[in-house]
Structures are given as C-alpha cells and as structure tokens.
Protein backbone atom coordinates (compact mmCIF):
# COMPACT_ATOMS: atom_id res chain seq x y z
CA ALA A 1 -31.91 117.04 -26.57
CA LYS A 2 -33.38 116.70 -23.06
CA PHE A 3 -30.73 114.15 -22.03
CA LEU A 4 -28.00 116.44 -23.29
CA MET A 5 -29.57 119.40 -21.48
CA PHE A 6 -29.82 117.36 -18.27
CA VAL A 7 -26.15 116.36 -18.29
CA THR A 8 -24.41 119.34 -19.91
CA GLY A 9 -26.75 122.29 -19.54
CA THR A 10 -26.92 122.75 -23.32
CA SER A 11 -29.32 121.22 -25.83
CA LYS A 12 -26.83 121.15 -28.72
CA VAL A 13 -23.61 119.26 -29.34
CA PRO A 14 -20.74 121.58 -30.37
CA LEU A 15 -19.65 121.52 -34.02
CA GLU A 16 -16.54 119.58 -32.94
CA GLY A 17 -18.72 116.89 -31.35
CA PHE A 18 -18.60 115.75 -27.74
CA LYS A 19 -14.85 116.46 -27.56
CA GLY A 20 -15.74 120.14 -27.89
CA LEU A 21 -17.97 120.30 -24.81
CA VAL A 22 -17.03 123.13 -22.51
CA GLY A 23 -17.41 122.95 -18.75
CA MET A 24 -16.42 125.04 -15.78
CA ARG A 25 -12.71 124.45 -16.43
CA GLY A 26 -12.67 124.84 -20.21
CA LEU A 27 -12.90 121.75 -22.40
CA GLN A 28 -14.65 119.10 -20.33
CA LYS A 29 -15.39 115.65 -21.74
CA PHE A 30 -18.75 114.00 -21.14
CA SER A 31 -18.35 111.33 -18.46
CA ILE A 32 -20.42 108.77 -16.59
CA HIS A 33 -19.53 107.91 -13.00
CA LYS A 34 -20.79 105.08 -10.82
CA ALA A 35 -23.11 106.27 -8.06
CA TYR A 36 -24.38 104.31 -5.09
CA GLY A 37 -27.92 103.71 -3.93
CA GLY A 38 -29.20 101.26 -6.53
CA ASP A 39 -32.89 101.16 -7.41
CA ARG A 40 -33.86 103.66 -4.71
CA SER A 41 -31.70 106.44 -6.20
CA LEU A 42 -32.05 108.69 -9.22
CA PRO A 43 -29.26 109.57 -11.63
CA THR A 44 -27.72 112.97 -10.96
CA ALA A 45 -25.92 115.36 -13.26
CA HIS A 46 -23.18 117.92 -12.74
CA THR A 47 -23.59 120.31 -15.66
CA CYS A 48 -20.43 122.26 -14.80
CA PHE A 49 -18.44 119.08 -15.41
CA ASN A 50 -20.62 117.38 -18.10
CA GLN A 51 -20.89 114.44 -15.71
CA LEU A 52 -23.67 111.90 -15.14
CA ASP A 53 -23.65 109.96 -11.87
CA LEU A 54 -25.49 106.73 -12.56
CA PRO A 55 -26.42 104.16 -9.91
CA GLU A 56 -26.16 100.47 -10.76
CA TYR A 57 -29.75 99.38 -11.34
CA THR A 58 -31.14 95.85 -11.27
CA SER A 59 -32.41 96.02 -14.85
CA GLU A 60 -32.39 98.10 -18.00
CA GLU A 61 -36.09 98.82 -17.45
CA VAL A 62 -35.38 100.39 -14.05
CA LEU A 63 -32.52 102.40 -15.59
CA ARG A 64 -34.82 103.75 -18.31
CA GLU A 65 -37.57 104.66 -15.81
CA LYS A 66 -35.23 106.40 -13.36
CA LEU A 67 -33.34 108.29 -16.06
CA ALA A 68 -36.56 109.44 -17.75
CA TYR A 69 -37.95 110.61 -14.40
CA ALA A 70 -34.74 112.46 -13.47
CA ILE A 71 -34.58 114.17 -16.87
CA LYS A 72 -38.26 115.16 -16.72
CA GLU A 73 -38.03 116.55 -13.20
CA GLY A 74 -34.63 118.18 -13.79
CA THR A 75 -35.65 120.00 -16.93
CA GLU A 76 -39.03 121.10 -15.58
CA GLY A 77 -37.49 122.22 -12.30
CA PHE A 78 -35.17 124.66 -14.09
CA GLY A 79 -37.76 125.96 -16.54
CA PHE A 80 -36.39 124.15 -19.62
CA GLY A 81 -39.57 122.14 -20.28
C-alpha cells in the first residue's frame, strides 16, 4: 500500500485494476521511467501522472534500499505514515 501511495497518491487499486488509475488528465496508466544519477539518487514519483522515475542502480540490493528510503521519507513527509 505504501508503494502505491508513493507513486499514485492512493493506497488502493481501482476495481478495474491498474488500467483504471486516474491521474491529472483522466485515465493515466502506471509507468516507470529511467532516471539518471545512479546510486547517488533516490527514486522519485509524480503522483499526478502515476509515474515512477527510477535510476539505474548497481544492484538489486541498492534498488531495494533506495526505494524503501524514498517511500518512507515520502509518505512521512506528507503525513501518510
């Protein structure tokens, strides 16, 4: 639920599934975009567009650590925690 909240701004998937996600411009599919910065950058989310910008990390372990940190800080920073 926290990942979904981080990326989309909602903690629940619509009844229609991910294809039913609504963004700033109506129906807005969940998408992942390549970001730059590597291991020194955190993933970022654009909730209006249901978009995750994900840097290319050197390992899955780094990916997990950075994503967990971004989700924790993002949700606590907006009072969702």
